[in-house]
Amino acid sequence: MDHRLKGLALACLALCVVFPAHARITPYRQYLMQVGRHAPTTSYVGPVDAATEVATNCYALRAASAAAAIATKKAIRVRRASDNATLDIGVLKTGALDISSLTTFLTATTGFVNIWYDQCPGADNVVQNTAGNQPPLTLSALGSFPAVCPNANTITMIGVSNVTPATGKVSVSVVANRASGTGSGIWIRQAGASGSGLTPASSANNVIGRGAASGTITTTASDAAWHAISAVVNGASPASNVDVDGTTTTGTMNGNTTAGTPRAMTGGTTTTLCAMELLVFDNVAFSGAEQTAINSNQHTYWGF
């Protein structure tokens, strides 16, 4: 072999790396790379990390993932009633919302949510620019934790761009509470006001998982209490389900691929809804183990 070719071959052997199976680019690794980090460098674990799936919409009053904590992502834009000034409130590297900045900004006044930022790479924020239709922000909704709490059916937040579901299969997760009343509303619907998602029922102590094309699953969730709720829209029972705090109810829900803007935090008539996180995983059907892991993460972090 020519000495130059031999030298080139040796150099290639020295530089080339054979990646084992565990180093393949999984969906979660790809998500981390999209936000500019190859792996988390924090001990914080968010609900998206617990799911080990790539979320498509991440609205949370904490970091939705370790990557979002590292990047100190923006969480919400708040308008204060006293002078209509606005301020973006982000998450800290610990994963917590910057509550200190929030409470300082809202000293001796009340706040409303103008934008709930999408911490996922798609950045499809939900927005309400009309002051009278913005959901109030309750500062101590659960201990020291704030929550977004619409209290009328004219209050809603709408995505900035259309979402087209890939297949109709979708999983959603919320940390939510119907604080008062027994009316319906929307915590999260993936694509349009009739998209797949989770809502309170129009009856006391019940929630509903909804398929965009057809099917609902109604199950028990006590009012005036916080819950970790997830839903899988994936066709006939038992592939579709609604899980409330670890108790799963199966049924049939079918999604579709009709485009629409995400809808979040629509209040009900004489009803106040609250939420601290809303997550959508398009083209994903949570496994039972994933639902358990997300539920555990949410209960542990929020302390309910």
C-alpha atoms as a PDB file:
ATOM      1  CA  MET A   1       0.000   0.000   0.000  1.00  0.00           C
ATOM      2  CA  ASP A   2       1.238   3.456  -0.865  1.00  0.00           C
ATOM      3  CA  HIS A   3       2.593   5.054   2.326  1.00  0.00           C
ATOM      4  CA  ARG A   4       0.278   8.037   1.854  1.00  0.00           C
ATOM      5  CA  LEU A   5      -2.815   5.786   1.643  1.00  0.00           C
ATOM      6  CA  LYS A   6      -1.598   3.820   4.638  1.00  0.00           C
ATOM      7  CA  GLY A   7      -1.212   7.047   6.610  1.00  0.00           C
ATOM      8  CA  LEU A   8      -4.682   8.176   5.610  1.00  0.00           C
ATOM      9  CA  ALA A   9      -6.190   4.854   6.686  1.00  0.00           C
ATOM     10  CA  LEU A  10      -4.505   5.037  10.084  1.00  0.00           C
ATOM     11  CA  ALA A  11      -5.719   8.613  10.577  1.00  0.00           C
ATOM     12  CA  CYS A  12      -9.258   7.562   9.751  1.00  0.00           C
ATOM     13  CA  LEU A  13      -9.088   4.728  12.263  1.00  0.00           C
ATOM     14  CA  ALA A  14      -7.871   7.160  14.887  1.00  0.00           C
ATOM     15  CA  LEU A  15     -10.625   9.714  14.263  1.00  0.00           C
ATOM     16  CA  CYS A  16     -13.677   7.666  13.354  1.00  0.00           C
ATOM     17  CA  VAL A  17     -16.026   6.672  16.173  1.00  0.00           C
ATOM     18  CA  VAL A  18     -18.401   3.756  16.052  1.00  0.00           C
ATOM     19  CA  PHE A  19     -21.518   4.683  17.989  1.00  0.00           C
ATOM     20  CA  PRO A  20     -23.093   1.924  20.070  1.00  0.00           C
ATOM     21  CA  ALA A  21     -26.856   1.459  20.101  1.00  0.00           C
ATOM     22  CA  HIS A  22     -27.306   3.471  23.280  1.00  0.00           C
ATOM     23  CA  ALA A  23     -25.811   6.552  21.580  1.00  0.00           C
ATOM     24  CA  ARG A  24     -28.315   6.722  18.738  1.00  0.00           C
ATOM     25  CA  ILE A  25     -30.178  10.005  18.346  1.00  0.00           C
ATOM     26  CA  THR A  26     -33.425   9.234  20.145  1.00  0.00           C
ATOM     27  CA  PRO A  27     -36.369  11.667  19.947  1.00  0.00           C
ATOM     28  CA  TYR A  28     -35.527  13.037  23.389  1.00  0.00           C
ATOM     29  CA  ARG A  29     -31.833  13.549  22.484  1.00  0.00           C
ATOM     30  CA  GLN A  30     -32.974  15.268  19.291  1.00  0.00           C
ATOM     31  CA  TYR A  31     -35.181  17.619  21.362  1.00  0.00           C
ATOM     32  CA  LEU A  32     -32.232  18.539  23.580  1.00  0.00           C
ATOM     33  CA  MET A  33     -30.077  19.222  20.536  1.00  0.00           C
ATOM     34  CA  GLN A  34     -32.787  21.488  19.100  1.00  0.00           C
ATOM     35  CA  VAL A  35     -32.601  23.736  22.142  1.00  0.00           C
ATOM     36  CA  GLY A  36     -28.828  23.794  21.965  1.00  0.00           C
ATOM     37  CA  ARG A  37     -27.927  21.223  24.621  1.00  0.00           C
ATOM     38  CA  HIS A  38     -26.771  17.638  23.996  1.00  0.00           C
ATOM     39  CA  ALA A  39     -27.679  16.545  27.526  1.00  0.00           C
ATOM     40  CA  PRO A  40     -29.024  18.153  30.660  1.00  0.00           C
ATOM     41  CA  THR A  41     -26.452  19.518  33.093  1.00  0.00           C
ATOM     42  CA  THR A  42     -28.907  20.057  35.941  1.00  0.00           C
ATOM     43  CA  SER A  43     -30.492  17.768  38.492  1.00  0.00           C
ATOM     44  CA  TYR A  44     -33.917  19.230  37.703  1.00  0.00           C
ATOM     45  CA  VAL A  45     -36.370  16.856  36.012  1.00  0.00           C
ATOM     46  CA  GLY A  46     -39.410  18.319  34.265  1.00  0.00           C
ATOM     47  CA  PRO A  47     -42.584  16.554  33.137  1.00  0.00           C
ATOM     48  CA  VAL A  48     -41.299  16.268  29.559  1.00  0.00           C
ATOM     49  CA  ASP A  49     -38.181  14.510  30.870  1.00  0.00           C
ATOM     50  CA  ALA A  50     -40.413  12.117  32.806  1.00  0.00           C
ATOM     51  CA  ALA A  51     -42.345  11.305  29.625  1.00  0.00           C
ATOM     52  CA  THR A  52     -39.169  10.644  27.600  1.00  0.00           C
ATOM     53  CA  GLU A  53     -41.130  11.737  24.516  1.00  0.00           C
ATOM     54  CA  VAL A  54     -40.844  14.896  22.438  1.00  0.00           C
ATOM     55  CA  ALA A  55     -43.631  17.271  23.466  1.00  0.00           C
ATOM     56  CA  THR A  56     -45.027  19.585  20.796  1.00  0.00           C
ATOM     57  CA  ASN A  57     -46.616  22.203  23.093  1.00  0.00           C
ATOM     58  CA  CYS A  58     -45.240  22.986  26.564  1.00  0.00           C
ATOM     59  CA  TYR A  59     -47.054  25.610  28.633  1.00  0.00           C
ATOM     60  CA  ALA A  60     -45.930  25.528  32.267  1.00  0.00           C
ATOM     61  CA  LEU A  61     -45.356  27.743  35.270  1.00  0.00           C
ATOM     62  CA  ARG A  62     -42.036  25.961  35.782  1.00  0.00           C
ATOM     63  CA  ALA A  63     -39.472  24.574  33.356  1.00  0.00           C
ATOM     64  CA  ALA A  64     -41.157  21.927  31.224  1.00  0.00           C
ATOM     65  CA  SER A  65     -37.832  20.111  30.912  1.00  0.00           C
ATOM     66  CA  ALA A  66     -34.254  20.186  32.112  1.00  0.00           C
ATOM     67  CA  ALA A  67     -33.290  21.749  28.782  1.00  0.00           C
ATOM     68  CA  ALA A  68     -35.790  24.587  29.324  1.00  0.00           C
ATOM     69  CA  ALA A  69     -34.341  25.179  32.807  1.00  0.00           C
ATOM     70  CA  ILE A  70     -30.805  25.363  31.454  1.00  0.00           C
ATOM     71  CA  ALA A  71     -31.951  27.809  28.769  1.00  0.00           C
ATOM     72  CA  THR A  72     -33.962  29.850  31.351  1.00  0.00           C
ATOM     73  CA  LYS A  73     -36.917  29.891  28.970  1.00  0.00           C
ATOM     74  CA  LYS A  74     -39.659  32.493  29.208  1.00  0.00           C
ATOM     75  CA  ALA A  75     -42.825  31.154  30.842  1.00  0.00           C
ATOM     76  CA  ILE A  76     -45.461  33.918  30.781  1.00  0.00           C
ATOM     77  CA  ARG A  77     -45.946  37.567  29.908  1.00  0.00           C
ATOM     78  CA  VAL A  78     -47.934  39.274  32.649  1.00  0.00           C
ATOM     79  CA  ARG A  79     -49.912  42.517  32.445  1.00  0.00           C
ATOM     80  CA  ARG A  80     -50.540  44.359  35.681  1.00  0.00           C
ATOM     81  CA  ALA A  81     -53.821  46.117  36.310  1.00  0.00           C
ATOM     82  CA  SER A  82     -52.399  49.262  37.896  1.00  0.00           C
ATOM     83  CA  ASP A  83     -50.762  50.699  34.767  1.00  0.00           C
ATOM     84  CA  ASN A  84     -51.084  47.965  32.077  1.00  0.00           C
ATOM     85  CA  ALA A  85     -47.312  47.484  32.003  1.00  0.00           C
ATOM     86  CA  THR A  86     -46.161  44.011  30.953  1.00  0.00           C
ATOM     87  CA  LEU A  87     -43.234  41.850  31.998  1.00  0.00           C
ATOM     88  CA  ASP A  88     -41.905  38.510  30.786  1.00  0.00           C
ATOM     89  CA  ILE A  89     -41.393  36.058  33.629  1.00  0.00           C
ATOM     90  CA  GLY A  90     -39.021  33.188  32.971  1.00  0.00           C
ATOM     91  CA  VAL A  91     -37.870  30.033  34.680  1.00  0.00           C
ATOM     92  CA  LEU A  92     -34.692  29.767  36.701  1.00  0.00           C
ATOM     93  CA  LYS A  93     -31.925  27.217  36.232  1.00  0.00           C
ATOM     94  CA  THR A  94     -33.433  25.369  39.201  1.00  0.00           C
ATOM     95  CA  GLY A  95     -36.544  24.766  37.077  1.00  0.00           C
ATOM     96  CA  ALA A  96     -38.733  27.022  39.219  1.00  0.00           C
ATOM     97  CA  LEU A  97     -40.679  30.016  37.967  1.00  0.00           C
ATOM     98  CA  ASP A  98     -39.061  33.342  38.877  1.00  0.00           C
ATOM     99  CA  ILE A  99     -41.688  34.066  41.526  1.00  0.00           C
ATOM    100  CA  SER A 100     -39.597  36.808  43.120  1.00  0.00           C
ATOM    101  CA  SER A 101     -39.694  38.932  39.950  1.00  0.00           C
ATOM    102  CA  LEU A 102     -43.380  38.147  39.492  1.00  0.00           C
ATOM    103  CA  THR A 103     -44.441  39.191  43.000  1.00  0.00           C
ATOM    104  CA  THR A 104     -42.309  42.338  42.856  1.00  0.00           C
ATOM    105  CA  PHE A 105     -43.907  43.327  39.548  1.00  0.00           C
ATOM    106  CA  LEU A 106     -47.391  42.762  40.978  1.00  0.00           C
ATOM    107  CA  THR A 107     -46.870  44.582  44.282  1.00  0.00           C
ATOM    108  CA  ALA A 108     -50.194  46.116  45.393  1.00  0.00           C
ATOM    109  CA  THR A 109     -51.942  45.152  42.151  1.00  0.00           C
ATOM    110  CA  THR A 110     -53.279  42.179  40.222  1.00  0.00           C
ATOM    111  CA  GLY A 111     -51.969  40.447  37.117  1.00  0.00           C
ATOM    112  CA  PHE A 112     -53.310  38.924  33.924  1.00  0.00           C
ATOM    113  CA  VAL A 113     -51.644  36.580  31.441  1.00  0.00           C
ATOM    114  CA  ASN A 114     -51.000  38.115  28.030  1.00  0.00           C
ATOM    115  CA  ILE A 115     -48.834  35.277  26.669  1.00  0.00           C
ATOM    116  CA  TRP A 116     -48.262  31.758  27.922  1.00  0.00           C
ATOM    117  CA  TYR A 117     -45.013  30.864  26.206  1.00  0.00           C
ATOM    118  CA  ASP A 118     -44.499  27.512  24.535  1.00  0.00           C
ATOM    119  CA  GLN A 119     -41.232  26.146  25.928  1.00  0.00           C
ATOM    120  CA  CYS A 120     -41.072  23.473  23.208  1.00  0.00           C
ATOM    121  CA  PRO A 121     -38.936  24.048  20.083  1.00  0.00           C
ATOM    122  CA  GLY A 122     -42.025  24.929  17.995  1.00  0.00           C
ATOM    123  CA  ALA A 123     -42.672  28.007  20.174  1.00  0.00           C
ATOM    124  CA  ASP A 124     -46.405  28.076  19.449  1.00  0.00           C
ATOM    125  CA  ASN A 125     -47.336  30.469  22.230  1.00  0.00           C
ATOM    126  CA  VAL A 126     -50.960  30.925  23.304  1.00  0.00           C
ATOM    127  CA  VAL A 127     -51.870  34.597  23.407  1.00  0.00           C
ATOM    128  CA  GLN A 128     -54.649  36.960  24.429  1.00  0.00           C
ATOM    129  CA  ASN A 129     -54.043  40.608  23.528  1.00  0.00           C
ATOM    130  CA  THR A 130     -57.471  41.926  24.512  1.00  0.00           C
ATOM    131  CA  ALA A 131     -57.116  43.002  28.119  1.00  0.00           C
ATOM    132  CA  GLY A 132     -60.676  42.138  29.101  1.00  0.00           C
ATOM    133  CA  ASN A 133     -60.294  38.583  27.789  1.00  0.00           C
ATOM    134  CA  GLN A 134     -56.980  37.802  29.509  1.00  0.00           C
ATOM    135  CA  PRO A 135     -57.044  35.163  32.242  1.00  0.00           C
ATOM    136  CA  PRO A 136     -56.231  36.370  35.762  1.00  0.00           C
ATOM    137  CA  LEU A 137     -53.083  35.122  37.446  1.00  0.00           C
ATOM    138  CA  THR A 138     -53.650  33.892  40.996  1.00  0.00           C
ATOM    139  CA  LEU A 139     -50.414  34.300  42.937  1.00  0.00           C
ATOM    140  CA  SER A 140     -50.998  31.751  45.704  1.00  0.00           C
ATOM    141  CA  ALA A 141     -53.181  29.178  44.031  1.00  0.00           C
ATOM    142  CA  LEU A 142     -51.378  26.228  45.634  1.00  0.00           C
ATOM    143  CA  GLY A 143     -49.202  27.300  48.530  1.00  0.00           C
ATOM    144  CA  SER A 144     -46.761  29.790  47.044  1.00  0.00           C
ATOM    145  CA  PHE A 145     -47.311  28.557  43.483  1.00  0.00           C
ATOM    146  CA  PRO A 146     -49.250  30.798  41.055  1.00  0.00           C
ATOM    147  CA  ALA A 147     -51.786  29.555  38.530  1.00  0.00           C
ATOM    148  CA  VAL A 148     -53.566  30.823  35.428  1.00  0.00           C
ATOM    149  CA  CYS A 149     -57.274  31.053  36.387  1.00  0.00           C
ATOM    150  CA  PRO A 150     -59.875  32.182  33.805  1.00  0.00           C
ATOM    151  CA  ASN A 151     -63.202  32.979  35.455  1.00  0.00           C
ATOM    152  CA  ALA A 152     -65.564  33.688  32.529  1.00  0.00           C
ATOM    153  CA  ASN A 153     -66.400  32.097  29.188  1.00  0.00           C
ATOM    154  CA  THR A 154     -65.159  35.193  27.339  1.00  0.00           C
ATOM    155  CA  ILE A 155     -61.637  34.527  28.595  1.00  0.00           C
ATOM    156  CA  THR A 156     -59.432  32.323  26.439  1.00  0.00           C
ATOM    157  CA  MET A 157     -55.922  31.966  25.002  1.00  0.00           C
ATOM    158  CA  ILE A 158     -55.269  31.066  21.370  1.00  0.00           C
ATOM    159  CA  GLY A 159     -52.184  29.754  19.596  1.00  0.00           C
ATOM    160  CA  VAL A 160     -50.295  32.028  17.236  1.00  0.00           C
ATOM    161  CA  SER A 161     -50.268  29.532  14.365  1.00  0.00           C
ATOM    162  CA  ASN A 162     -52.184  26.547  13.054  1.00  0.00           C
ATOM    163  CA  VAL A 163     -51.312  23.054  14.241  1.00  0.00           C
ATOM    164  CA  THR A 164     -51.897  20.115  11.910  1.00  0.00           C
ATOM    165  CA  PRO A 165     -51.964  16.838  13.868  1.00  0.00           C
ATOM    166  CA  ALA A 166     -49.760  14.246  12.189  1.00  0.00           C
ATOM    167  CA  THR A 167     -52.069  11.244  12.524  1.00  0.00           C
ATOM    168  CA  GLY A 168     -54.808  12.136  15.012  1.00  0.00           C
ATOM    169  CA  LYS A 169     -53.059  10.201  17.769  1.00  0.00           C
ATOM    170  CA  VAL A 170     -52.163  12.532  20.625  1.00  0.00           C
ATOM    171  CA  SER A 171     -51.446  12.550  24.362  1.00  0.00           C
ATOM    172  CA  VAL A 172     -52.060  15.528  26.637  1.00  0.00           C
ATOM    173  CA  SER A 173     -51.216  16.244  30.276  1.00  0.00           C
ATOM    174  CA  VAL A 174     -52.391  18.989  32.623  1.00  0.00           C
ATOM    175  CA  VAL A 175     -51.993  20.041  36.230  1.00  0.00           C
ATOM    176  CA  ALA A 176     -55.363  21.632  36.777  1.00  0.00           C
ATOM    177  CA  ASN A 177     -58.235  22.468  39.089  1.00  0.00           C
ATOM    178  CA  ARG A 178     -61.848  23.535  38.651  1.00  0.00           C
ATOM    179  CA  ALA A 179     -61.676  26.037  41.479  1.00  0.00           C
ATOM    180  CA  SER A 180     -65.358  27.018  41.571  1.00  0.00           C
ATOM    181  CA  GLY A 181     -68.622  26.344  39.765  1.00  0.00           C
ATOM    182  CA  THR A 182     -69.644  23.300  37.771  1.00  0.00           C
ATOM    183  CA  GLY A 183     -69.525  24.675  34.230  1.00  0.00           C
ATOM    184  CA  SER A 184     -67.320  23.476  31.422  1.00  0.00           C
ATOM    185  CA  GLY A 185     -64.490  25.301  29.645  1.00  0.00           C
ATOM    186  CA  ILE A 186     -61.119  24.304  28.197  1.00  0.00           C
ATOM    187  CA  TRP A 187     -57.838  23.443  29.833  1.00  0.00           C
ATOM    188  CA  ILE A 188     -56.167  22.446  26.556  1.00  0.00           C
ATOM    189  CA  ARG A 189     -57.323  21.444  23.075  1.00  0.00           C
ATOM    190  CA  GLN A 190     -54.697  20.615  20.496  1.00  0.00           C
ATOM    191  CA  ALA A 191     -56.008  22.155  17.297  1.00  0.00           C
ATOM    192  CA  GLY A 192     -59.007  24.461  17.485  1.00  0.00           C
ATOM    193  CA  ALA A 193     -61.838  24.766  19.986  1.00  0.00           C
ATOM    194  CA  SER A 194     -63.056  21.285  18.985  1.00  0.00           C
ATOM    195  CA  GLY A 195     -59.631  19.642  18.910  1.00  0.00           C
ATOM    196  CA  SER A 196     -58.566  16.686  21.023  1.00  0.00           C
ATOM    197  CA  GLY A 197     -57.863  17.600  24.616  1.00  0.00           C
ATOM    198  CA  LEU A 198     -59.007  17.844  28.212  1.00  0.00           C
ATOM    199  CA  THR A 199     -61.887  19.877  29.673  1.00  0.00           C
ATOM    200  CA  PRO A 200     -63.998  19.920  32.810  1.00  0.00           C
ATOM    201  CA  ALA A 201     -67.407  18.286  32.420  1.00  0.00           C
ATOM    202  CA  SER A 202     -70.632  20.252  32.729  1.00  0.00           C
ATOM    203  CA  SER A 203     -71.303  18.437  35.981  1.00  0.00           C
ATOM    204  CA  ALA A 204     -69.671  18.442  39.389  1.00  0.00           C
ATOM    205  CA  ASN A 205     -66.513  16.447  40.081  1.00  0.00           C
ATOM    206  CA  ASN A 206     -65.951  15.192  36.522  1.00  0.00           C
ATOM    207  CA  VAL A 207     -63.476  15.776  33.696  1.00  0.00           C
ATOM    208  CA  ILE A 208     -63.672  14.783  30.052  1.00  0.00           C
ATOM    209  CA  GLY A 209     -61.072  13.589  27.573  1.00  0.00           C
ATOM    210  CA  ARG A 210     -62.184  14.553  24.069  1.00  0.00           C
ATOM    211  CA  GLY A 211     -61.333  13.165  20.658  1.00  0.00           C
ATOM    212  CA  ALA A 212     -61.417  15.709  17.838  1.00  0.00           C
ATOM    213  CA  ALA A 213     -63.216  13.339  15.467  1.00  0.00           C
ATOM    214  CA  SER A 214     -65.348  11.404  17.933  1.00  0.00           C
ATOM    215  CA  GLY A 215     -65.563   9.973  21.399  1.00  0.00           C
ATOM    216  CA  THR A 216     -65.263  11.209  24.951  1.00  0.00           C
ATOM    217  CA  ILE A 217     -64.190   9.641  28.223  1.00  0.00           C
ATOM    218  CA  THR A 218     -65.684  11.064  31.407  1.00  0.00           C
ATOM    219  CA  THR A 219     -64.121  10.263  34.755  1.00  0.00           C
ATOM    220  CA  THR A 220     -64.072  11.525  38.323  1.00  0.00           C
ATOM    221  CA  ALA A 221     -61.919  14.423  39.504  1.00  0.00           C
ATOM    222  CA  SER A 222     -63.072  16.274  42.599  1.00  0.00           C
ATOM    223  CA  ASP A 223     -63.700  19.993  42.201  1.00  0.00           C
ATOM    224  CA  ALA A 224     -61.733  22.613  44.158  1.00  0.00           C
ATOM    225  CA  ALA A 225     -58.731  20.275  44.260  1.00  0.00           C
ATOM    226  CA  TRP A 226     -55.565  19.989  42.195  1.00  0.00           C
ATOM    227  CA  HIS A 227     -55.065  17.000  39.913  1.00  0.00           C
ATOM    228  CA  ALA A 228     -52.513  15.564  37.524  1.00  0.00           C
ATOM    229  CA  ILE A 229     -54.610  14.529  34.526  1.00  0.00           C
ATOM    230  CA  SER A 230     -53.492  12.937  31.268  1.00  0.00           C
ATOM    231  CA  ALA A 231     -55.370  11.651  28.246  1.00  0.00           C
ATOM    232  CA  VAL A 232     -54.441   9.406  25.349  1.00  0.00           C
ATOM    233  CA  VAL A 233     -56.478   9.788  22.145  1.00  0.00           C
ATOM    234  CA  ASN A 234     -55.687   6.662  20.139  1.00  0.00           C
ATOM    235  CA  GLY A 235     -58.859   4.964  18.900  1.00  0.00           C
ATOM    236  CA  ALA A 236     -60.872   2.169  20.482  1.00  0.00           C
ATOM    237  CA  SER A 237     -60.653   1.058  24.117  1.00  0.00           C
ATOM    238  CA  PRO A 238     -58.316   0.270  25.799  1.00  0.00           C
ATOM    239  CA  ALA A 239     -55.907   2.263  23.601  1.00  0.00           C
ATOM    240  CA  SER A 240     -57.553   5.554  24.650  1.00  0.00           C
ATOM    241  CA  ASN A 241     -57.833   6.605  28.270  1.00  0.00           C
ATOM    242  CA  VAL A 242     -57.990   9.400  30.826  1.00  0.00           C
ATOM    243  CA  ASP A 243     -55.811   9.128  33.920  1.00  0.00           C
ATOM    244  CA  VAL A 244     -56.511  11.212  37.056  1.00  0.00           C
ATOM    245  CA  ASP A 245     -53.867  11.031  39.770  1.00  0.00           C
ATOM    246  CA  GLY A 246     -52.951   7.482  38.789  1.00  0.00           C
ATOM    247  CA  THR A 247     -56.464   6.101  38.283  1.00  0.00           C
ATOM    248  CA  THR A 248     -57.092   5.227  34.632  1.00  0.00           C
ATOM    249  CA  THR A 249     -60.417   5.043  32.793  1.00  0.00           C
ATOM    250  CA  THR A 250     -60.398   3.545  29.297  1.00  0.00           C
ATOM    251  CA  GLY A 251     -62.758   4.195  26.405  1.00  0.00           C
ATOM    252  CA  THR A 252     -62.825   5.244  22.763  1.00  0.00           C
ATOM    253  CA  MET A 253     -61.560   8.592  21.454  1.00  0.00           C
ATOM    254  CA  ASN A 254     -60.591   9.319  17.870  1.00  0.00           C
ATOM    255  CA  GLY A 255     -58.540  12.277  16.739  1.00  0.00           C
ATOM    256  CA  ASN A 256     -58.205  13.754  13.271  1.00  0.00           C
ATOM    257  CA  THR A 257     -55.702  15.684  11.174  1.00  0.00           C
ATOM    258  CA  THR A 258     -57.724  18.874  10.857  1.00  0.00           C
ATOM    259  CA  ALA A 259     -55.577  21.986  11.329  1.00  0.00           C
ATOM    260  CA  GLY A 260     -56.423  24.548  13.972  1.00  0.00           C
ATOM    261  CA  THR A 261     -54.874  26.873  16.510  1.00  0.00           C
ATOM    262  CA  PRO A 262     -54.264  25.498  20.017  1.00  0.00           C
ATOM    263  CA  ARG A 263     -56.837  26.627  22.585  1.00  0.00           C
ATOM    264  CA  ALA A 264     -56.026  26.954  26.258  1.00  0.00           C
ATOM    265  CA  MET A 265     -57.612  28.231  29.456  1.00  0.00           C
ATOM    266  CA  THR A 266     -61.109  29.074  28.316  1.00  0.00           C
ATOM    267  CA  GLY A 267     -63.240  29.846  31.339  1.00  0.00           C
ATOM    268  CA  GLY A 268     -66.775  28.681  31.956  1.00  0.00           C
ATOM    269  CA  THR A 269     -69.979  30.524  32.771  1.00  0.00           C
ATOM    270  CA  THR A 270     -69.876  31.228  36.539  1.00  0.00           C
ATOM    271  CA  THR A 271     -66.931  28.832  36.662  1.00  0.00           C
ATOM    272  CA  THR A 272     -63.245  29.383  37.467  1.00  0.00           C
ATOM    273  CA  LEU A 273     -60.685  27.002  36.019  1.00  0.00           C
ATOM    274  CA  CYS A 274     -57.022  26.985  36.992  1.00  0.00           C
ATOM    275  CA  ALA A 275     -53.903  25.340  35.584  1.00  0.00           C
ATOM    276  CA  MET A 276     -50.166  25.344  36.186  1.00  0.00           C
ATOM    277  CA  GLU A 277     -49.041  23.237  33.248  1.00  0.00           C
ATOM    278  CA  LEU A 278     -50.479  22.093  29.921  1.00  0.00           C
ATOM    279  CA  LEU A 279     -48.560  19.675  27.680  1.00  0.00           C
ATOM    280  CA  VAL A 280     -49.356  18.246  24.239  1.00  0.00           C
ATOM    281  CA  PHE A 281     -47.514  15.324  22.607  1.00  0.00           C
ATOM    282  CA  ASP A 282     -48.615  15.012  18.975  1.00  0.00           C
ATOM    283  CA  ASN A 283     -48.504  11.544  17.383  1.00  0.00           C
ATOM    284  CA  VAL A 284     -47.684   9.996  20.774  1.00  0.00           C
ATOM    285  CA  ALA A 285     -49.680   7.477  22.805  1.00  0.00           C
ATOM    286  CA  PHE A 286     -48.402   7.449  26.368  1.00  0.00           C
ATOM    287  CA  SER A 287     -47.667   4.027  27.798  1.00  0.00           C
ATOM    288  CA  GLY A 288     -48.966   3.242  31.257  1.00  0.00           C
ATOM    289  CA  ALA A 289     -45.436   3.590  32.594  1.00  0.00           C
ATOM    290  CA  GLU A 290     -45.108   7.056  31.049  1.00  0.00           C
ATOM    291  CA  GLN A 291     -48.396   8.211  32.546  1.00  0.00           C
ATOM    292  CA  THR A 292     -47.245   6.949  35.933  1.00  0.00           C
ATOM    293  CA  ALA A 293     -43.898   8.736  35.604  1.00  0.00           C
ATOM    294  CA  ILE A 294     -45.489  12.057  34.565  1.00  0.00           C
ATOM    295  CA  ASN A 295     -48.089  11.802  37.335  1.00  0.00           C
ATOM    296  CA  SER A 296     -45.360  11.145  39.919  1.00  0.00           C
ATOM    297  CA  ASN A 297     -43.239  14.034  38.641  1.00  0.00           C
ATOM    298  CA  GLN A 298     -46.173  16.458  38.825  1.00  0.00           C
ATOM    299  CA  HIS A 299     -47.312  15.400  42.284  1.00  0.00           C
ATOM    300  CA  THR A 300     -43.781  15.542  43.629  1.00  0.00           C
ATOM    301  CA  TYR A 301     -42.980  18.980  42.207  1.00  0.00           C
ATOM    302  CA  TRP A 302     -46.271  20.727  43.005  1.00  0.00           C
ATOM    303  CA  GLY A 303     -46.760  18.948  46.311  1.00  0.00           C
ATOM    304  CA  PHE A 304     -50.420  17.903  46.128  1.00  0.00           C
END
